[in-house]
Amino acid sequence: MRHTILALLTPGLLLTGCGKAGELIDDDAWSALEPVYGVANFDDDDGNGEKDWADVLVEGENDLSALSVSALVAGVDEDEQLKVGLTGENIRVWRDGELFLEDGDIVKLSGKADLQIEFLDFLAEGSLTFVQRDEEQNELARAGIDLLSGPMIINNHSQLAELVMAMSYTGNGGNAGFINGFQGVLDEQFLSAPVSSYGYDVWVQDEIEFATLTAPGHRVDVVIDSIRTDNGSGLDDFPEENFEGPDFARNTWGDAYANSQDSFGNMEASPPVTVDGVYYPFGRIYWGEYRGSGPKDDVLLDFLVSQKVQAPFIHDVTWLCVGHVDEFSTFLPDPDSEKGFKLLVTDVNEGYAFLETLDPAMSLPKYEGDKGYATISDVVDDMALRALNEDIQVDYLDPAVELFKTELGLTEDDIIRVPMLFEENSYCGGDTATFFPGTVNMTVAQLEEGGEVHAFLPDPFLRENSSTSSTARADDPFIANFESLLPQNVSPHWLDDWDWYHMQLGEVHCGSNTIRTPNANWWEDALHLIGDDQ
């Protein structure tokens, strides 16, 4: 479909009216006409269960884009006439609370000329054309205004955190240490919900993904509700009960029977990158495919591709039992680095190199009880484990790093390789999960511009004392090694996720989620991605 965003194709023509011979009109009232950018009217302001774009104008509606053309009307003599026409099948124009224009309409414009533009879809485009004629109907002047609504944009770790959430269980054997680790740092910017109310489903990262719709003066947050529990079980009701209302929309794309790749730990976005000279101000989305198959329902993925600005790409996650990209990669803001961030990826070679610096006789009470490895030497000397991990590095992790470099324009200087091993899980038919609690599976929260970056991490318990005290953690060589790798502005916070998360094949990121502040404007920074040729 041909885009009407003329500014993308012929810069400079959009901001002025054109006369009969194509001459630029000098009159200020014409030359002041500029594009109108808006958001899809996707929320439910009146709470009637319908998206506002399916309703007539909702009282108190605040998601429409204002357009005043009073100066044009005022410049029309009594014996002249000004008409306006709308082109755009997913756009409506309102005036004084009444529907004024739909696609193909042409009406006379006079009197009060304060209009409201409503967009009925993402990336909906169209135009308003104004024509001034004299009393003999000769055309005196003509000008157009392009109309465009924004794409839906998935959040990334470079954005400030507004609210972090996790599911809590305060009973005996609960996850109080996990919850308190967040609460003590984030205070009012942390939400905990009782997991007992949601079928003891702690995987809030996998259930929902947050995104935003923005335009000048507008912001609508979107919670994408996965199909993983689209049956009333587990966390299915969590987004409806916590994140639906004015300026906060909820939606599920598709309705297939879900597999693990339909969970949102398997869909992440990088920070802003430039790749082969193309700037992606909102980063790029990446997800994982297991044995050549991605999510069962490709409706959401097709939709995200259609949004254009985050150009998704795919990783092979075949070696992983759960099969999510957040199990082996994440991004940390780093203002001291060239690109403003570091990519952290798990690395088996680094894992063994680290272990071989430790005392082979060092006891590992946590690992002895739950994994059958009593000492460091038990781990290092397990040749079957080593062979498995060496294959994973060559067959999967090295190609994953190369794919990140290619698709995100990265070099080795942009990457931190994090020590890790993987182990087969008896429930997974030979597929694997992280042997140590997966430190890259972290929650990242920077609360203010220029402030410290909080990294909430799974306690590795690679020590002789299984206590979660600060003294015990200070003696943990895995913690010391990992902290030495972090950018200077990152503050690590180690959480006990062993029983509720790690031993259930997930970690801190899997069990939490974050609402973030948009940090770029698509109408200023991303129009080059929305045009025809992208």
Protein backbone atom coordinates (compact mmCIF):
# COMPACT_ATOMS: atom_id res chain seq x y z
CA MET A 1 0.00 0.00 0.00
CA ARG A 2 1.35 3.39 -0.94
CA HIS A 3 2.22 5.53 2.05
CA THR A 4 1.08 9.12 2.05
CA ILE A 5 3.96 10.25 4.21
CA LEU A 6 5.31 12.58 1.57
CA ALA A 7 7.98 13.88 3.90
CA LEU A 8 9.67 10.50 3.69
CA LEU A 9 9.86 10.69 -0.08
CA THR A 10 10.10 14.39 -0.89
CA PRO A 11 11.21 16.31 2.19
CA GLY A 12 9.86 19.83 2.44
CA LEU A 13 6.64 19.44 0.46
CA LEU A 14 4.55 18.36 3.42
CA LEU A 15 4.62 21.55 5.41
CA THR A 16 3.13 23.89 2.82
CA GLY A 17 0.03 24.05 0.67
CA CYS A 18 0.28 23.69 -3.11
CA GLY A 19 -1.55 25.87 -5.65
CA LYS A 20 -3.03 24.77 -8.99
CA ALA A 21 0.34 24.82 -10.73
CA GLY A 22 2.16 23.22 -7.83
CA GLU A 23 3.53 26.55 -6.60
CA LEU A 24 4.24 26.78 -2.87
CA ILE A 25 1.68 28.98 -1.12
CA ASP A 26 3.32 31.63 1.01
CA ASP A 27 0.34 32.43 3.20
CA ASP A 28 1.16 31.56 6.81
CA ALA A 29 -2.16 29.82 7.38
CA TRP A 30 -1.35 27.31 4.68
CA SER A 31 2.36 26.92 5.36
CA ALA A 32 1.71 26.17 9.05
CA LEU A 33 -0.03 22.90 8.24
CA GLU A 34 2.03 20.00 9.62
CA PRO A 35 1.53 16.25 9.93
CA VAL A 36 -0.73 14.95 12.68
CA TYR A 37 0.67 12.03 14.64
CA GLY A 38 -1.45 10.03 17.04
CA VAL A 39 -2.00 6.78 18.90
CA ALA A 40 -4.38 3.98 18.06
CA ASN A 41 -7.47 4.41 20.24
CA PHE A 42 -6.81 0.98 21.68
CA ASP A 43 -7.69 1.31 25.36
CA ASP A 44 -11.12 1.09 27.01
CA ASP A 45 -11.78 4.43 28.69
CA ASP A 46 -15.41 3.68 29.60
CA GLY A 47 -14.73 0.14 30.83
CA ASN A 48 -17.41 -1.46 28.67
CA GLY A 49 -15.19 -4.31 27.53
CA GLU A 50 -14.72 -2.91 24.02
CA LYS A 51 -11.69 -1.15 22.60
CA ASP A 52 -12.53 2.53 22.21
CA TRP A 53 -11.88 2.31 18.49
CA ALA A 54 -14.92 0.03 18.28
CA ASP A 55 -17.13 2.58 20.06
CA VAL A 56 -18.62 5.90 19.17
CA LEU A 57 -16.77 8.77 20.83
CA VAL A 58 -16.34 7.94 24.51
CA GLU A 59 -17.09 10.69 27.01
CA GLY A 60 -13.83 11.97 28.44
CA GLU A 61 -11.85 10.43 25.58
CA ASN A 62 -8.25 11.61 25.69
CA ASP A 63 -6.58 9.53 22.99
CA LEU A 64 -7.51 11.72 20.02
CA SER A 65 -5.12 14.14 18.34
CA ALA A 66 -6.20 17.77 18.29
CA LEU A 67 -6.05 19.77 15.09
CA SER A 68 -7.03 23.41 14.86
CA VAL A 69 -7.41 24.89 11.38
CA SER A 70 -9.20 28.03 12.53
CA ALA A 71 -6.61 30.19 10.81
CA LEU A 72 -7.60 28.68 7.48
CA VAL A 73 -11.28 29.29 8.08
CA ALA A 74 -10.64 32.85 9.22
CA GLY A 75 -8.79 33.57 5.98
CA VAL A 76 -11.73 32.62 3.76
CA ASP A 77 -13.81 35.54 2.45
CA GLU A 78 -17.60 35.38 2.66
CA ASP A 79 -17.92 34.76 -1.08
CA GLU A 80 -15.36 31.99 -1.00
CA GLN A 81 -15.57 28.40 0.20
CA LEU A 82 -13.27 26.03 2.09
CA LYS A 83 -13.80 22.27 1.89
CA VAL A 84 -11.96 19.46 3.61
CA GLY A 85 -11.80 15.79 2.62
CA LEU A 86 -10.49 12.74 4.47
CA THR A 87 -8.65 9.82 2.95
CA GLY A 88 -7.85 6.98 5.34
CA GLU A 89 -10.01 3.94 6.06
CA ASN A 90 -8.80 3.58 9.67
CA ILE A 91 -9.25 7.22 10.65
CA ARG A 92 -12.19 9.26 11.89
CA VAL A 93 -12.44 13.01 12.43
CA TRP A 94 -14.64 14.43 15.18
CA ARG A 95 -15.92 17.94 15.75
CA ASP A 96 -17.76 19.16 18.84
CA GLY A 97 -18.34 15.56 19.94
CA GLU A 98 -19.93 14.58 16.62
CA LEU A 99 -18.53 12.47 13.82
CA PHE A 100 -17.38 14.92 11.17
CA LEU A 101 -15.45 12.93 8.55
CA GLU A 102 -14.84 9.34 7.55
CA ASP A 103 -12.83 7.91 4.68
CA GLY A 104 -13.91 9.51 1.40
CA ASP A 105 -16.02 12.29 2.92
CA ILE A 106 -15.74 15.88 1.68
CA VAL A 107 -17.49 18.59 3.66
CA LYS A 108 -17.63 22.35 3.85
CA LEU A 109 -15.59 23.85 6.68
CA SER A 110 -16.71 27.01 8.41
CA GLY A 111 -17.09 28.46 11.86
CA LYS A 112 -15.24 26.80 14.73
CA ALA A 113 -12.53 24.62 13.23
CA ASP A 114 -11.15 22.58 16.13
CA LEU A 115 -11.00 18.99 14.96
CA GLN A 116 -10.04 15.75 16.69
CA ILE A 117 -8.36 12.94 14.77
CA GLU A 118 -9.07 9.37 15.88
CA PHE A 119 -6.93 6.47 14.67
CA LEU A 120 -8.57 3.06 14.52
CA ASP A 121 -5.43 0.99 14.05
CA PHE A 122 -1.67 0.92 14.53
CA LEU A 123 0.26 2.68 11.76
CA ALA A 124 -3.03 3.91 10.34
CA GLU A 125 -2.35 6.51 7.70
CA GLY A 126 -4.33 8.99 5.67
CA SER A 127 -4.60 12.65 4.84
CA LEU A 128 -6.81 15.68 5.11
CA THR A 129 -7.02 17.81 1.97
CA PHE A 130 -8.15 21.45 2.19
CA VAL A 131 -9.32 23.25 -0.94
CA GLN A 132 -10.22 26.94 -1.09
CA ARG A 133 -12.45 28.06 -4.00
CA ASP A 134 -13.88 31.41 -5.05
CA GLU A 135 -17.58 32.03 -5.72
CA GLU A 136 -17.22 30.67 -9.26
CA GLN A 137 -15.68 27.49 -7.79
CA ASN A 138 -12.25 28.24 -9.17
CA GLU A 139 -9.56 26.68 -6.99
CA LEU A 140 -7.54 29.31 -5.15
CA ALA A 141 -5.40 27.16 -2.89
CA ARG A 142 -4.93 23.57 -1.85
CA ALA A 143 -3.02 21.98 1.01
CA GLY A 144 -2.77 18.58 2.62
CA ILE A 145 -2.01 17.28 6.08
CA ASP A 146 -0.70 13.76 6.47
CA LEU A 147 -2.10 11.69 9.32
CA LEU A 148 -0.26 8.75 10.92
CA SER A 149 -0.65 6.72 14.09
CA GLY A 150 2.30 5.15 15.78
CA PRO A 151 3.49 1.56 15.97
CA MET A 152 3.29 -0.58 19.08
CA ILE A 153 6.77 -0.70 20.59
CA ILE A 154 8.13 -3.40 22.92
CA ASN A 155 10.12 -2.10 25.89
CA ASN A 156 13.85 -2.67 26.40
CA HIS A 157 16.29 -2.41 29.30
CA SER A 158 17.59 1.02 28.32
CA GLN A 159 14.28 2.56 29.41
CA LEU A 160 13.69 3.78 32.95
CA ALA A 161 11.73 1.43 35.17
CA GLU A 162 8.45 2.76 36.57
CA LEU A 163 7.10 -0.37 38.26
CA VAL A 164 8.56 -3.84 38.85
CA MET A 165 6.26 -6.70 39.84
CA ALA A 166 6.51 -10.27 41.11
CA MET A 167 4.23 -12.88 42.66
CA SER A 168 4.53 -13.41 46.41
CA TYR A 169 3.88 -16.25 48.83
CA THR A 170 4.44 -15.41 52.47
CA GLY A 171 3.69 -18.83 54.00
CA ASN A 172 6.22 -21.35 55.22
CA GLY A 173 8.59 -22.29 52.44
CA GLY A 174 7.55 -19.18 50.53
CA ASN A 175 9.58 -16.70 48.51
CA ALA A 176 9.84 -13.89 51.06
CA GLY A 177 13.57 -13.45 50.43
CA PHE A 178 12.92 -12.99 46.73
CA ILE A 179 10.15 -10.44 47.31
CA ASN A 180 12.00 -8.56 50.04
CA GLY A 181 15.04 -8.20 47.80
CA PHE A 182 12.96 -6.22 45.32
CA GLN A 183 10.93 -4.34 47.93
CA GLY A 184 13.94 -3.14 49.88
CA VAL A 185 15.40 -1.40 46.82
CA LEU A 186 12.35 -0.31 44.85
CA ASP A 187 9.88 0.55 47.64
CA GLU A 188 6.75 2.06 46.04
CA GLN A 189 7.98 1.15 42.58
CA PHE A 190 7.46 -2.52 43.34
CA LEU A 191 4.17 -4.43 43.18
CA SER A 192 3.72 -7.87 44.69
CA ALA A 193 0.57 -9.89 44.09
CA PRO A 194 -0.41 -13.03 46.02
CA VAL A 195 0.52 -16.07 43.96
CA SER A 196 -2.18 -18.04 45.79
CA SER A 197 -4.77 -15.97 43.91
CA TYR A 198 -3.34 -17.04 40.56
CA GLY A 199 -2.94 -20.80 40.77
CA TYR A 200 0.59 -20.51 42.22
CA ASP A 201 1.86 -19.42 38.81
CA VAL A 202 4.97 -17.31 39.53
CA TRP A 203 6.06 -16.80 35.91
CA VAL A 204 4.78 -13.27 35.40
CA GLN A 205 7.47 -12.52 32.79
CA ASP A 206 6.13 -15.31 30.63
CA GLU A 207 2.47 -14.34 30.97
CA ILE A 208 2.68 -10.69 29.88
CA GLU A 209 4.85 -8.30 27.90
CA PHE A 210 4.66 -4.52 28.18
CA ALA A 211 4.67 -2.17 25.22
CA THR A 212 3.75 1.46 24.50
CA LEU A 213 1.88 3.59 22.01
CA THR A 214 3.03 7.20 21.88
CA ALA A 215 2.43 10.43 19.99
CA PRO A 216 2.92 14.11 20.84
CA GLY A 217 1.01 14.57 24.12
CA HIS A 218 -0.13 10.94 24.23
CA ARG A 219 0.95 7.70 25.85
CA VAL A 220 -0.95 4.43 26.05
CA ASP A 221 0.66 1.45 27.76
CA VAL A 222 -0.18 -1.95 26.35
CA VAL A 223 0.01 -5.24 28.19
CA ILE A 224 0.31 -8.10 25.72
CA ASP A 225 -1.41 -11.08 27.33
CA SER A 226 0.13 -14.37 26.22
CA ILE A 227 -1.90 -17.33 25.01
CA ARG A 228 0.02 -19.53 27.50
CA THR A 229 -2.89 -19.49 30.02
CA ASP A 230 -5.70 -18.25 27.82
CA ASN A 231 -8.09 -20.59 29.65
CA GLY A 232 -8.75 -18.98 33.04
CA SER A 233 -5.89 -20.78 34.80
CA GLY A 234 -2.80 -19.44 36.54
CA LEU A 235 -2.01 -15.83 35.73
CA ASP A 236 -4.69 -15.52 33.05
CA ASP A 237 -6.68 -12.95 35.05
CA PHE A 238 -3.66 -11.05 36.38
CA PRO A 239 -3.42 -8.40 33.61
CA GLU A 240 -7.18 -7.80 33.56
CA GLU A 241 -7.25 -7.24 37.29
CA ASN A 242 -4.21 -4.98 37.44
CA PHE A 243 -3.57 -3.28 34.10
CA GLU A 244 -6.75 -2.40 32.27
CA GLY A 245 -8.34 1.04 32.06
CA PRO A 246 -7.84 4.49 30.55
CA ASP A 247 -4.44 4.74 28.85
CA PHE A 248 -3.68 1.09 29.65
CA ALA A 249 -4.83 -1.45 27.11
CA ARG A 250 -4.71 -5.25 27.29
CA ASN A 251 -4.83 -7.55 24.31
CA THR A 252 -4.13 -11.14 23.30
CA TRP A 253 -2.98 -11.84 19.77
CA GLY A 254 -3.99 -15.29 18.52
CA ASP A 255 -5.70 -18.22 20.20
CA ALA A 256 -3.62 -21.33 19.48
CA TYR A 257 -2.72 -23.95 22.07
CA ALA A 258 0.53 -22.53 23.47
CA ASN A 259 3.95 -24.10 23.67
CA SER A 260 6.88 -22.77 25.70
CA GLN A 261 7.97 -20.46 22.90
CA ASP A 262 4.71 -18.51 23.33
CA SER A 263 5.96 -17.28 26.72
CA PHE A 264 7.48 -13.82 26.85
CA GLY A 265 10.79 -14.81 28.41
CA ASN A 266 11.26 -15.88 24.81
CA MET A 267 10.71 -12.39 23.38
CA GLU A 268 13.09 -9.57 24.24
CA ALA A 269 14.23 -6.30 22.68
CA SER A 270 17.72 -4.85 22.47
CA PRO A 271 18.58 -1.24 23.34
CA PRO A 272 18.85 1.23 20.42
CA VAL A 273 21.32 0.06 17.77
CA THR A 274 22.63 1.02 14.36
CA VAL A 275 23.00 -1.88 11.92
CA ASP A 276 24.57 -1.44 8.48
CA GLY A 277 23.86 2.28 8.66
CA VAL A 278 20.21 1.84 9.72
CA TYR A 279 19.27 3.29 13.11
CA TYR A 280 16.78 1.40 15.28
CA PRO A 281 15.86 3.87 18.07
CA PHE A 282 13.78 1.23 19.88
CA GLY A 283 16.22 -1.62 19.39
CA ARG A 284 15.34 -4.89 17.70
CA ILE A 285 13.10 -7.69 18.95
CA TYR A 286 14.50 -11.19 19.14
CA TRP A 287 12.86 -14.50 20.02
CA GLY A 288 13.74 -18.17 20.01
CA GLU A 289 12.76 -21.17 17.92
CA TYR A 290 12.99 -24.71 19.29
CA ARG A 291 13.97 -27.35 16.72
CA GLY A 292 13.00 -24.99 13.92
CA SER A 293 9.61 -24.17 15.41
CA GLY A 294 8.76 -20.91 17.15
CA PRO A 295 5.56 -19.96 18.96
CA LYS A 296 2.57 -22.11 18.06
CA ASP A 297 0.59 -19.00 17.22
CA ASP A 298 2.38 -16.65 14.82
CA VAL A 299 -0.32 -13.96 14.92
CA LEU A 300 1.62 -11.87 17.45
CA LEU A 301 4.94 -12.33 15.68
CA ASP A 302 3.43 -11.35 12.33
CA PHE A 303 1.91 -8.30 13.99
CA LEU A 304 5.25 -7.23 15.51
CA VAL A 305 6.94 -7.61 12.12
CA SER A 306 4.21 -5.37 10.65
CA GLN A 307 5.08 -2.63 13.18
CA LYS A 308 8.39 -2.21 11.28
CA VAL A 309 10.40 -0.22 13.82
CA GLN A 310 11.93 -3.16 15.76
CA ALA A 311 12.70 -5.62 12.90
CA PRO A 312 12.55 -8.97 14.77
CA PHE A 313 15.09 -11.76 14.31
CA ILE A 314 15.26 -15.35 15.52
CA HIS A 315 17.64 -17.41 17.70
CA ASP A 316 17.93 -21.19 17.86
CA VAL A 317 17.07 -22.32 21.42
CA THR A 318 16.97 -26.03 20.67
CA TRP A 319 19.43 -27.01 23.44
CA LEU A 320 17.25 -25.49 26.18
CA CYS A 321 14.51 -27.34 28.03
CA VAL A 322 12.36 -24.25 28.54
CA GLY A 323 13.66 -22.67 25.34
CA HIS A 324 13.67 -18.95 26.11
CA VAL A 325 16.15 -16.32 24.92
CA ASP A 326 16.37 -14.79 28.42
CA GLU A 327 18.12 -17.95 29.62
CA PHE A 328 21.37 -17.05 27.86
CA SER A 329 21.31 -13.31 27.13
CA THR A 330 20.38 -9.89 28.47
CA PHE A 331 21.34 -6.22 28.10
CA LEU A 332 22.64 -3.81 30.73
CA PRO A 333 22.81 -0.02 30.33
CA ASP A 334 26.42 1.19 30.44
CA PRO A 335 26.97 4.90 29.80
CA ASP A 336 30.74 4.38 29.71
CA SER A 337 30.61 2.02 26.74
CA GLU A 338 30.57 3.11 23.10
CA LYS A 339 26.99 2.00 22.45
CA GLY A 340 25.60 2.81 25.89
CA PHE A 341 25.03 -0.81 26.86
CA LYS A 342 26.61 -4.23 27.22
CA LEU A 343 25.23 -7.52 25.98
CA LEU A 344 25.69 -10.26 28.57
CA VAL A 345 25.78 -13.82 27.21
CA THR A 346 26.44 -17.12 28.95
CA ASP A 347 29.72 -18.80 28.09
CA VAL A 348 30.72 -22.37 28.93
CA ASN A 349 34.44 -21.83 28.37
CA GLU A 350 34.36 -18.98 30.87
CA GLY A 351 32.43 -21.23 33.23
CA TYR A 352 35.12 -23.89 33.33
CA ALA A 353 37.93 -21.34 33.40
CA PHE A 354 36.33 -19.81 36.49
CA LEU A 355 35.74 -23.14 38.26
CA GLU A 356 39.34 -24.16 37.72
CA THR A 357 40.51 -21.15 39.76
CA LEU A 358 38.71 -22.52 42.83
CA ASP A 359 39.80 -25.02 45.46
CA PRO A 360 38.75 -28.44 44.11
CA ALA A 361 37.84 -29.54 47.64
CA MET A 362 35.48 -26.62 48.22
CA SER A 363 32.16 -28.06 49.40
CA LEU A 364 28.85 -27.13 47.78
CA PRO A 365 26.01 -28.00 50.15
CA LYS A 366 23.27 -26.59 47.91
CA TYR A 367 24.51 -28.50 44.89
CA GLU A 368 25.12 -31.72 46.82
CA GLY A 369 21.54 -31.82 48.09
CA ASP A 370 19.76 -30.90 44.87
CA LYS A 371 22.15 -31.78 42.04
CA GLY A 372 24.45 -34.50 43.43
CA TYR A 373 27.70 -32.52 43.23
CA ALA A 374 29.37 -32.25 46.65
CA THR A 375 32.53 -30.35 45.67
CA ILE A 376 34.03 -28.22 42.94
CA SER A 377 36.06 -31.19 41.75
CA ASP A 378 32.86 -33.21 41.32
CA VAL A 379 31.72 -30.62 38.80
CA VAL A 380 35.02 -30.06 37.03
CA ASP A 381 35.84 -33.77 36.76
CA ASP A 382 32.47 -34.82 35.33
CA MET A 383 33.60 -35.52 31.77
CA ALA A 384 30.08 -36.18 30.49
CA LEU A 385 28.98 -32.80 31.81
CA ARG A 386 32.01 -31.15 30.22
CA ALA A 387 31.40 -32.80 26.85
CA LEU A 388 27.76 -31.69 26.92
CA ASN A 389 28.76 -28.11 27.64
CA GLU A 390 31.51 -27.99 25.05
CA ASP A 391 28.99 -29.08 22.43
CA ILE A 392 26.52 -26.43 23.59
CA GLN A 393 29.19 -23.73 23.26
CA VAL A 394 30.17 -24.73 19.73
CA ASP A 395 26.73 -25.65 18.40
CA TYR A 396 24.59 -22.94 20.01
CA LEU A 397 26.26 -20.25 22.11
CA ASP A 398 28.97 -19.27 19.62
CA PRO A 399 26.41 -19.02 16.78
CA ALA A 400 24.12 -17.00 19.07
CA VAL A 401 26.89 -14.47 19.70
CA GLU A 402 27.63 -14.21 15.99
CA LEU A 403 23.93 -13.66 15.28
CA PHE A 404 23.79 -10.86 17.87
CA LYS A 405 26.84 -9.26 16.27
CA THR A 406 25.31 -9.44 12.80
CA GLU A 407 21.75 -8.40 13.62
CA LEU A 408 22.62 -5.70 16.17
CA GLY A 409 25.86 -4.36 14.72
CA LEU A 410 27.91 -5.41 17.76
CA THR A 411 31.58 -6.16 18.24
CA GLU A 412 33.31 -8.21 20.92
CA ASP A 413 33.87 -4.98 22.89
CA ASP A 414 30.09 -4.68 23.34
CA ILE A 415 29.79 -8.14 24.93
CA ILE A 416 30.42 -9.52 28.41
CA ARG A 417 30.78 -13.29 28.48
CA VAL A 418 29.37 -14.65 31.73
CA PRO A 419 30.59 -17.95 33.24
CA MET A 420 27.88 -20.63 33.07
CA LEU A 421 27.36 -24.37 32.68
CA PHE A 422 24.27 -26.24 31.53
CA GLU A 423 22.94 -29.60 32.68
CA GLU A 424 20.45 -32.07 31.32
CA ASN A 425 17.13 -32.22 33.09
CA SER A 426 15.40 -35.54 33.65
CA TYR A 427 12.05 -34.02 32.66
CA CYS A 428 13.33 -32.63 29.37
CA GLY A 429 14.43 -35.61 27.30
CA GLY A 430 18.05 -34.54 27.11
CA ASP A 431 17.48 -30.80 26.81
CA THR A 432 19.20 -28.55 29.31
CA ALA A 433 18.85 -25.75 31.83
CA THR A 434 21.51 -23.68 33.59
CA PHE A 435 23.57 -25.61 36.14
CA PHE A 436 24.19 -22.54 38.29
CA PRO A 437 21.32 -20.10 38.81
CA GLY A 438 21.35 -18.14 35.54
CA THR A 439 22.79 -14.72 36.29
CA VAL A 440 21.95 -13.28 32.86
CA ASN A 441 18.31 -14.05 33.69
CA MET A 442 18.15 -10.84 35.71
CA THR A 443 15.74 -7.95 36.17
CA VAL A 444 17.16 -4.54 35.21
CA ALA A 445 15.73 -1.38 36.75
CA GLN A 446 17.16 2.12 36.38
CA LEU A 447 14.82 4.46 38.26
CA GLU A 448 16.05 7.89 37.18
CA GLU A 449 18.03 9.35 34.31
CA GLY A 450 21.74 9.08 35.02
CA GLY A 451 21.09 7.08 38.18
CA GLU A 452 22.45 3.71 39.14
CA VAL A 453 21.23 0.62 37.35
CA HIS A 454 19.81 -1.98 39.71
CA ALA A 455 20.41 -5.58 38.63
CA PHE A 456 18.34 -8.15 40.55
CA LEU A 457 20.18 -11.45 40.27
CA PRO A 458 19.74 -15.06 41.37
CA ASP A 459 22.00 -16.04 44.26
CA PRO A 460 24.37 -18.74 42.87
CA PHE A 461 25.01 -20.38 46.28
CA LEU A 462 28.43 -21.48 45.04
CA ARG A 463 29.86 -21.47 48.56
CA GLU A 464 30.28 -23.62 51.60
CA ASN A 465 27.73 -21.64 53.62
CA SER A 466 24.17 -21.81 52.28
CA SER A 467 23.04 -18.82 54.31
CA THR A 468 21.62 -15.83 52.44
CA SER A 469 23.28 -13.36 54.79
CA SER A 470 25.45 -10.61 53.37
CA THR A 471 28.45 -12.20 55.10
CA ALA A 472 27.86 -15.54 53.38
CA ARG A 473 27.38 -13.88 50.00
CA ALA A 474 30.58 -11.90 50.50
CA ASP A 475 32.43 -15.23 50.57
CA ASP A 476 30.85 -16.52 47.37
CA PRO A 477 33.50 -16.59 44.60
CA PHE A 478 30.85 -16.75 41.85
CA ILE A 479 29.33 -13.50 43.13
CA ALA A 480 32.74 -11.84 43.36
CA ASN A 481 33.62 -12.92 39.83
CA PHE A 482 30.33 -11.79 38.35
CA GLU A 483 30.41 -8.41 40.07
CA SER A 484 33.89 -7.83 38.65
CA LEU A 485 32.40 -8.12 35.15
CA LEU A 486 29.64 -5.53 35.64
CA PRO A 487 29.73 -1.97 34.31
CA GLN A 488 30.55 0.57 37.01
CA ASN A 489 27.08 2.08 37.20
CA VAL A 490 25.38 -1.25 38.00
CA SER A 491 24.39 -2.12 41.56
CA PRO A 492 23.86 -5.90 42.00
CA HIS A 493 21.19 -7.24 44.35
CA TRP A 494 21.32 -10.98 44.97
CA LEU A 495 17.98 -12.73 45.55
CA ASP A 496 17.27 -16.23 46.81
CA ASP A 497 15.37 -17.82 43.94
CA TRP A 498 16.71 -21.37 44.38
CA ASP A 499 13.61 -23.37 45.35
CA TRP A 500 10.75 -21.45 43.74
CA TYR A 501 12.53 -20.52 40.52
CA HIS A 502 15.91 -22.11 39.77
CA MET A 503 14.87 -25.65 40.67
CA GLN A 504 11.70 -25.08 38.60
CA LEU A 505 13.81 -24.14 35.54
CA GLY A 506 13.45 -20.36 35.82
CA GLU A 507 15.19 -17.41 37.45
CA VAL A 508 14.66 -13.80 38.58
CA HIS A 509 13.72 -12.38 35.18
CA CYS A 510 11.23 -15.20 34.58
CA GLY A 511 9.52 -14.41 37.88
CA SER A 512 9.22 -10.63 37.49
CA ASN A 513 8.16 -7.96 35.01
CA THR A 514 8.65 -4.23 34.48
CA ILE A 515 6.70 -1.25 33.15
CA ARG A 516 9.07 1.25 31.53
CA THR A 517 9.12 4.88 30.34
CA PRO A 518 9.37 5.46 26.57
CA ASN A 519 12.72 7.06 25.71
CA ALA A 520 12.41 7.94 22.02
CA ASN A 521 9.82 9.50 19.71
CA TRP A 522 8.99 7.44 16.64
CA TRP A 523 7.72 10.52 14.73
CA GLU A 524 11.13 12.13 15.14
CA ASP A 525 13.45 9.13 15.17
CA ALA A 526 11.84 6.24 13.28
CA LEU A 527 10.02 7.52 10.19
CA HIS A 528 12.86 6.09 8.09
CA LEU A 529 11.75 2.62 9.27
CA ILE A 530 8.05 3.15 8.57
CA GLY A 531 8.39 4.14 4.90
CA ASP A 532 7.66 1.92 1.91
CA ASP A 533 11.16 0.57 1.39
CA GLN A 534 11.69 -0.84 4.89
